[in-house]
Amino acid sequence: MKYLDKNLNRKQEQIKDYQNMNGTLIKVFERLSAEKKKYVSIFPHRNVSCLNNIYSICDTNRRYSSTKTPKEVSSKYIKELKEYNELRDAGLRLAQIIADEKQCKIKDVFEEIGYSMKD
């Protein structure tokens, strides 16, 4: 019986942790949404695809239903995070190729297209 109680308590703690993470992700989503609106209003003529990618990744948090197990939510989040990192790395490689062709720094390429290195 102690084994079952111990596992039950552990699972309940995991649920609380996931609920806290969910709350954190919602706050990040809302902050990024506000930043996106700010950047779109500052640079309406610029391509804001980078911000759109971040926005869509954070929006995945809203798609998780409460019927999924914490493990399913975690593995889906990790999968999407890996996909985002791969896309970001591909974008950085392309920017490096452009910088090499122009014989300038990658920072100059980012400034030219209207992004900061933090994006």
N, C-alpha and C. Protein backbone atom coordinates (compact mmCIF):
# COMPACT_ATOMS: atom_id res chain seq x y z
N MET A 1 0.81 -1.19 0.00
CA MET A 1 0.00 0.00 0.00
C MET A 1 0.86 1.26 0.00
N LYS A 2 1.96 1.21 0.72
CA LYS A 2 2.84 2.37 0.77
C LYS A 2 3.38 2.70 -0.62
N TYR A 3 3.64 1.65 -1.40
CA TYR A 3 4.15 1.84 -2.75
C TYR A 3 3.15 2.61 -3.60
N LEU A 4 1.87 2.23 -3.51
CA LEU A 4 0.84 2.91 -4.29
C LEU A 4 0.66 4.36 -3.83
N ASP A 5 0.69 4.57 -2.52
CA ASP A 5 0.57 5.93 -1.99
C ASP A 5 1.75 6.80 -2.45
N LYS A 6 2.92 6.21 -2.42
CA LYS A 6 4.11 6.94 -2.84
C LYS A 6 4.01 7.32 -4.32
N ASN A 7 3.59 6.37 -5.16
CA ASN A 7 3.43 6.66 -6.59
C ASN A 7 2.33 7.68 -6.84
N LEU A 8 1.24 7.58 -6.08
CA LEU A 8 0.16 8.53 -6.22
C LEU A 8 0.63 9.94 -5.87
N ASN A 9 1.35 10.07 -4.78
CA ASN A 9 1.88 11.38 -4.38
C ASN A 9 2.84 11.93 -5.42
N ARG A 10 3.68 11.06 -5.96
CA ARG A 10 4.64 11.49 -6.99
C ARG A 10 3.91 11.99 -8.23
N LYS A 11 2.87 11.26 -8.64
CA LYS A 11 2.08 11.66 -9.81
C LYS A 11 1.35 12.97 -9.55
N GLN A 12 0.84 13.16 -8.36
CA GLN A 12 0.15 14.40 -8.03
C GLN A 12 1.12 15.58 -8.06
N GLU A 13 2.35 15.36 -7.58
CA GLU A 13 3.37 16.40 -7.64
C GLU A 13 3.73 16.73 -9.08
N GLN A 14 3.81 15.69 -9.92
CA GLN A 14 4.10 15.93 -11.34
C GLN A 14 3.00 16.74 -11.99
N ILE A 15 1.76 16.43 -11.66
CA ILE A 15 0.63 17.18 -12.21
C ILE A 15 0.72 18.64 -11.81
N LYS A 16 1.05 18.91 -10.54
CA LYS A 16 1.20 20.29 -10.08
C LYS A 16 2.33 20.99 -10.82
N ASP A 17 3.44 20.28 -11.02
CA ASP A 17 4.56 20.85 -11.78
C ASP A 17 4.15 21.20 -13.20
N TYR A 18 3.42 20.30 -13.85
CA TYR A 18 2.98 20.56 -15.22
C TYR A 18 1.97 21.70 -15.27
N GLN A 19 1.14 21.81 -14.27
CA GLN A 19 0.20 22.93 -14.22
C GLN A 19 0.95 24.25 -14.06
N ASN A 20 2.01 24.25 -13.23
CA ASN A 20 2.83 25.45 -13.08
C ASN A 20 3.54 25.80 -14.38
N MET A 21 4.06 24.76 -15.06
CA MET A 21 4.72 25.00 -16.35
C MET A 21 3.73 25.54 -17.36
N ASN A 22 2.52 25.03 -17.34
CA ASN A 22 1.49 25.50 -18.25
C ASN A 22 1.21 26.98 -18.00
N GLY A 23 1.10 27.36 -16.74
CA GLY A 23 0.87 28.76 -16.40
C GLY A 23 2.02 29.63 -16.87
N THR A 24 3.24 29.15 -16.71
CA THR A 24 4.41 29.89 -17.17
C THR A 24 4.39 30.06 -18.69
N LEU A 25 4.05 28.98 -19.39
CA LEU A 25 4.00 29.05 -20.85
C LEU A 25 2.92 30.01 -21.33
N ILE A 26 1.81 30.06 -20.64
CA ILE A 26 0.75 31.00 -21.02
C ILE A 26 1.24 32.43 -20.83
N LYS A 27 1.95 32.70 -19.75
CA LYS A 27 2.49 34.04 -19.53
C LYS A 27 3.51 34.41 -20.61
N VAL A 28 4.37 33.46 -20.98
CA VAL A 28 5.35 33.70 -22.05
C VAL A 28 4.62 33.96 -23.36
N PHE A 29 3.59 33.18 -23.64
CA PHE A 29 2.80 33.36 -24.85
C PHE A 29 2.20 34.76 -24.90
N GLU A 30 1.62 35.19 -23.80
CA GLU A 30 1.01 36.52 -23.77
C GLU A 30 2.05 37.62 -23.92
N ARG A 31 3.23 37.44 -23.31
CA ARG A 31 4.30 38.43 -23.44
C ARG A 31 4.79 38.50 -24.89
N LEU A 32 4.96 37.33 -25.50
CA LEU A 32 5.42 37.30 -26.89
C LEU A 32 4.37 37.87 -27.84
N SER A 33 3.11 37.64 -27.53
CA SER A 33 2.04 38.22 -28.35
C SER A 33 2.10 39.74 -28.30
N ALA A 34 2.32 40.27 -27.10
CA ALA A 34 2.41 41.73 -26.96
C ALA A 34 3.64 42.26 -27.70
N GLU A 35 4.77 41.54 -27.60
CA GLU A 35 5.97 41.96 -28.32
C GLU A 35 5.76 41.90 -29.82
N LYS A 36 5.07 40.88 -30.28
CA LYS A 36 4.82 40.76 -31.71
C LYS A 36 4.01 41.96 -32.20
N LYS A 37 2.97 42.31 -31.46
CA LYS A 37 2.16 43.46 -31.85
C LYS A 37 3.01 44.73 -31.88
N LYS A 38 3.92 44.85 -30.92
CA LYS A 38 4.79 46.03 -30.89
C LYS A 38 5.69 46.07 -32.11
N TYR A 39 6.31 44.95 -32.46
CA TYR A 39 7.20 44.91 -33.61
C TYR A 39 6.46 45.09 -34.92
N VAL A 40 5.27 44.53 -35.01
CA VAL A 40 4.49 44.70 -36.23
C VAL A 40 4.11 46.16 -36.41
N SER A 41 3.81 46.85 -35.32
CA SER A 41 3.45 48.26 -35.44
C SER A 41 4.67 49.12 -35.76
N ILE A 42 5.86 48.71 -35.30
CA ILE A 42 7.08 49.47 -35.58
C ILE A 42 7.55 49.20 -37.00
N PHE A 43 7.51 47.94 -37.43
CA PHE A 43 8.00 47.55 -38.75
C PHE A 43 6.88 46.92 -39.57
N PRO A 44 5.85 47.67 -39.93
CA PRO A 44 4.74 47.04 -40.66
C PRO A 44 5.15 46.56 -42.05
N HIS A 45 6.19 47.15 -42.63
CA HIS A 45 6.62 46.78 -43.97
C HIS A 45 7.63 45.65 -43.96
N ARG A 46 8.12 45.26 -42.80
CA ARG A 46 9.13 44.21 -42.70
C ARG A 46 8.47 42.84 -42.62
N ASN A 47 9.20 41.85 -43.03
CA ASN A 47 8.74 40.47 -42.91
C ASN A 47 8.98 40.03 -41.47
N VAL A 48 7.94 39.69 -40.78
CA VAL A 48 8.07 39.30 -39.37
C VAL A 48 7.89 37.80 -39.21
N SER A 49 8.42 37.05 -40.16
CA SER A 49 8.23 35.59 -40.10
C SER A 49 8.88 34.98 -38.87
N CYS A 50 10.00 35.53 -38.42
CA CYS A 50 10.65 35.00 -37.22
C CYS A 50 9.71 35.12 -36.02
N LEU A 51 9.08 36.28 -35.89
CA LEU A 51 8.14 36.47 -34.78
C LEU A 51 6.93 35.55 -34.96
N ASN A 52 6.48 35.35 -36.19
CA ASN A 52 5.35 34.46 -36.43
C ASN A 52 5.70 33.04 -36.04
N ASN A 53 6.94 32.61 -36.30
CA ASN A 53 7.35 31.26 -35.91
C ASN A 53 7.34 31.11 -34.39
N ILE A 54 7.87 32.10 -33.70
CA ILE A 54 7.87 32.06 -32.24
C ILE A 54 6.43 32.06 -31.72
N TYR A 55 5.60 32.90 -32.33
CA TYR A 55 4.20 33.00 -31.93
C TYR A 55 3.50 31.66 -32.10
N SER A 56 3.72 30.99 -33.22
CA SER A 56 3.03 29.72 -33.46
C SER A 56 3.54 28.62 -32.52
N ILE A 57 4.82 28.66 -32.19
CA ILE A 57 5.35 27.65 -31.27
C ILE A 57 4.76 27.85 -29.88
N CYS A 58 4.67 29.09 -29.45
CA CYS A 58 4.10 29.34 -28.13
C CYS A 58 2.61 29.05 -28.12
N ASP A 59 1.95 29.20 -29.27
CA ASP A 59 0.53 28.94 -29.36
C ASP A 59 0.21 27.45 -29.18
N THR A 60 1.20 26.59 -29.38
CA THR A 60 0.95 25.15 -29.22
C THR A 60 0.53 24.84 -27.79
N ASN A 61 0.94 25.67 -26.85
CA ASN A 61 0.54 25.44 -25.46
C ASN A 61 -0.98 25.45 -25.32
N ARG A 62 -1.63 26.28 -26.09
CA ARG A 62 -3.09 26.37 -25.99
C ARG A 62 -3.78 25.16 -26.62
N ARG A 63 -3.08 24.43 -27.46
CA ARG A 63 -3.67 23.28 -28.13
C ARG A 63 -3.65 22.03 -27.27
N TYR A 64 -2.90 22.02 -26.20
CA TYR A 64 -2.84 20.82 -25.36
C TYR A 64 -4.15 20.70 -24.58
N SER A 65 -4.76 19.56 -24.67
CA SER A 65 -6.00 19.35 -23.93
C SER A 65 -5.69 18.69 -22.60
N SER A 66 -6.61 18.79 -21.70
CA SER A 66 -6.38 18.23 -20.37
C SER A 66 -6.50 16.71 -20.37
N THR A 67 -6.92 16.11 -21.51
CA THR A 67 -7.04 14.66 -21.57
C THR A 67 -5.70 13.98 -21.83
N LYS A 68 -4.68 14.76 -22.21
CA LYS A 68 -3.37 14.18 -22.49
C LYS A 68 -2.60 13.99 -21.18
N THR A 69 -1.78 12.96 -21.18
CA THR A 69 -0.96 12.71 -20.00
C THR A 69 0.20 13.70 -19.98
N PRO A 70 0.76 13.94 -18.81
CA PRO A 70 1.92 14.84 -18.74
C PRO A 70 3.07 14.38 -19.64
N LYS A 71 3.26 13.08 -19.75
CA LYS A 71 4.33 12.58 -20.61
C LYS A 71 4.07 12.92 -22.07
N GLU A 72 2.82 12.81 -22.51
CA GLU A 72 2.47 13.17 -23.89
C GLU A 72 2.69 14.65 -24.15
N VAL A 73 2.31 15.48 -23.17
CA VAL A 73 2.49 16.92 -23.31
C VAL A 73 3.98 17.24 -23.39
N SER A 74 4.77 16.64 -22.51
CA SER A 74 6.21 16.90 -22.50
C SER A 74 6.86 16.46 -23.79
N SER A 75 6.53 15.27 -24.27
CA SER A 75 7.18 14.78 -25.48
C SER A 75 6.78 15.60 -26.70
N LYS A 76 5.52 16.05 -26.75
CA LYS A 76 5.10 16.91 -27.87
C LYS A 76 5.82 18.26 -27.80
N TYR A 77 5.92 18.82 -26.61
CA TYR A 77 6.61 20.10 -26.45
C TYR A 77 8.09 19.97 -26.84
N ILE A 78 8.74 18.91 -26.42
CA ILE A 78 10.15 18.69 -26.76
C ILE A 78 10.31 18.52 -28.26
N LYS A 79 9.40 17.79 -28.89
CA LYS A 79 9.45 17.59 -30.34
C LYS A 79 9.33 18.92 -31.07
N GLU A 80 8.39 19.76 -30.64
CA GLU A 80 8.20 21.06 -31.30
C GLU A 80 9.38 21.99 -31.01
N LEU A 81 9.95 21.90 -29.83
CA LEU A 81 11.12 22.71 -29.51
C LEU A 81 12.31 22.31 -30.38
N LYS A 82 12.48 21.01 -30.59
CA LYS A 82 13.56 20.54 -31.47
C LYS A 82 13.34 21.04 -32.89
N GLU A 83 12.09 21.00 -33.36
CA GLU A 83 11.79 21.49 -34.71
C GLU A 83 12.11 22.98 -34.83
N TYR A 84 11.72 23.75 -33.81
CA TYR A 84 12.03 25.18 -33.81
C TYR A 84 13.55 25.41 -33.86
N ASN A 85 14.29 24.68 -33.05
CA ASN A 85 15.75 24.84 -33.02
C ASN A 85 16.37 24.48 -34.36
N GLU A 86 15.85 23.45 -35.02
CA GLU A 86 16.37 23.08 -36.34
C GLU A 86 16.10 24.18 -37.35
N LEU A 87 14.89 24.74 -37.31
CA LEU A 87 14.55 25.83 -38.23
C LEU A 87 15.40 27.07 -37.97
N ARG A 88 15.60 27.38 -36.70
CA ARG A 88 16.43 28.53 -36.35
C ARG A 88 17.87 28.32 -36.82
N ASP A 89 18.40 27.12 -36.62
CA ASP A 89 19.76 26.82 -37.07
C ASP A 89 19.88 26.91 -38.58
N ALA A 90 18.85 26.44 -39.30
CA ALA A 90 18.88 26.54 -40.76
C ALA A 90 18.87 28.00 -41.19
N GLY A 91 18.08 28.82 -40.52
CA GLY A 91 18.05 30.25 -40.83
C GLY A 91 19.39 30.92 -40.56
N LEU A 92 20.03 30.54 -39.48
CA LEU A 92 21.35 31.10 -39.17
C LEU A 92 22.39 30.67 -40.20
N ARG A 93 22.29 29.42 -40.66
CA ARG A 93 23.22 28.96 -41.70
C ARG A 93 23.03 29.75 -42.99
N LEU A 94 21.76 30.00 -43.34
CA LEU A 94 21.49 30.79 -44.55
C LEU A 94 22.02 32.21 -44.40
N ALA A 95 21.82 32.80 -43.23
CA ALA A 95 22.33 34.15 -42.99
C ALA A 95 23.86 34.16 -43.06
N GLN A 96 24.49 33.09 -42.59
CA GLN A 96 25.96 33.01 -42.66
C GLN A 96 26.42 32.90 -44.11
N ILE A 97 25.69 32.15 -44.93
CA ILE A 97 26.03 32.04 -46.35
C ILE A 97 25.93 33.41 -47.02
N ILE A 98 24.89 34.15 -46.71
CA ILE A 98 24.72 35.50 -47.27
C ILE A 98 25.86 36.39 -46.82
N ALA A 99 26.21 36.31 -45.53
CA ALA A 99 27.30 37.14 -45.00
C ALA A 99 28.62 36.78 -45.68
N ASP A 100 28.85 35.49 -45.92
CA ASP A 100 30.07 35.08 -46.60
C ASP A 100 30.12 35.62 -48.02
N GLU A 101 28.98 35.58 -48.73
CA GLU A 101 28.93 36.08 -50.10
C GLU A 101 29.18 37.59 -50.15
N LYS A 102 28.63 38.30 -49.18
CA LYS A 102 28.81 39.76 -49.14
C LYS A 102 30.11 40.16 -48.47
N GLN A 103 30.80 39.20 -47.89
CA GLN A 103 32.04 39.43 -47.16
C GLN A 103 31.84 40.46 -46.04
N CYS A 104 30.84 40.17 -45.24
CA CYS A 104 30.55 41.04 -44.10
C CYS A 104 30.20 40.15 -42.91
N LYS A 105 29.91 40.78 -41.78
CA LYS A 105 29.55 40.04 -40.58
C LYS A 105 28.08 39.63 -40.65
N ILE A 106 27.77 38.55 -39.97
CA ILE A 106 26.38 38.08 -39.93
C ILE A 106 25.49 39.12 -39.26
N LYS A 107 26.06 39.86 -38.34
CA LYS A 107 25.32 40.92 -37.66
C LYS A 107 24.84 41.96 -38.66
N ASP A 108 25.67 42.29 -39.66
CA ASP A 108 25.29 43.25 -40.68
C ASP A 108 24.13 42.74 -41.52
N VAL A 109 24.11 41.45 -41.80
CA VAL A 109 23.02 40.85 -42.56
C VAL A 109 21.71 40.97 -41.77
N PHE A 110 21.77 40.68 -40.48
CA PHE A 110 20.57 40.78 -39.65
C PHE A 110 20.07 42.21 -39.58
N GLU A 111 20.98 43.16 -39.45
CA GLU A 111 20.57 44.56 -39.41
C GLU A 111 19.94 44.98 -40.73
N GLU A 112 20.47 44.47 -41.82
CA GLU A 112 19.95 44.81 -43.14
C GLU A 112 18.51 44.33 -43.33
N ILE A 113 18.17 43.17 -42.78
CA ILE A 113 16.82 42.66 -42.94
C ILE A 113 15.90 43.08 -41.79
N GLY A 114 16.42 43.81 -40.84
CA GLY A 114 15.57 44.36 -39.79
C GLY A 114 15.43 43.52 -38.54
N TYR A 115 16.32 42.58 -38.32
CA TYR A 115 16.29 41.76 -37.12
C TYR A 115 17.51 42.05 -36.27
N SER A 116 17.34 41.91 -34.96
CA SER A 116 18.50 42.00 -34.09
C SER A 116 19.05 40.60 -33.89
N MET A 117 20.25 40.50 -33.40
CA MET A 117 20.85 39.18 -33.17
C MET A 117 20.07 38.41 -32.08
N LYS A 118 19.31 39.09 -31.27
CA LYS A 118 18.54 38.42 -30.22
C LYS A 118 17.34 37.66 -30.79
N ASP A 119 16.85 38.10 -31.96
CA ASP A 119 15.72 37.40 -32.59
C ASP A 119 16.14 36.02 -32.97
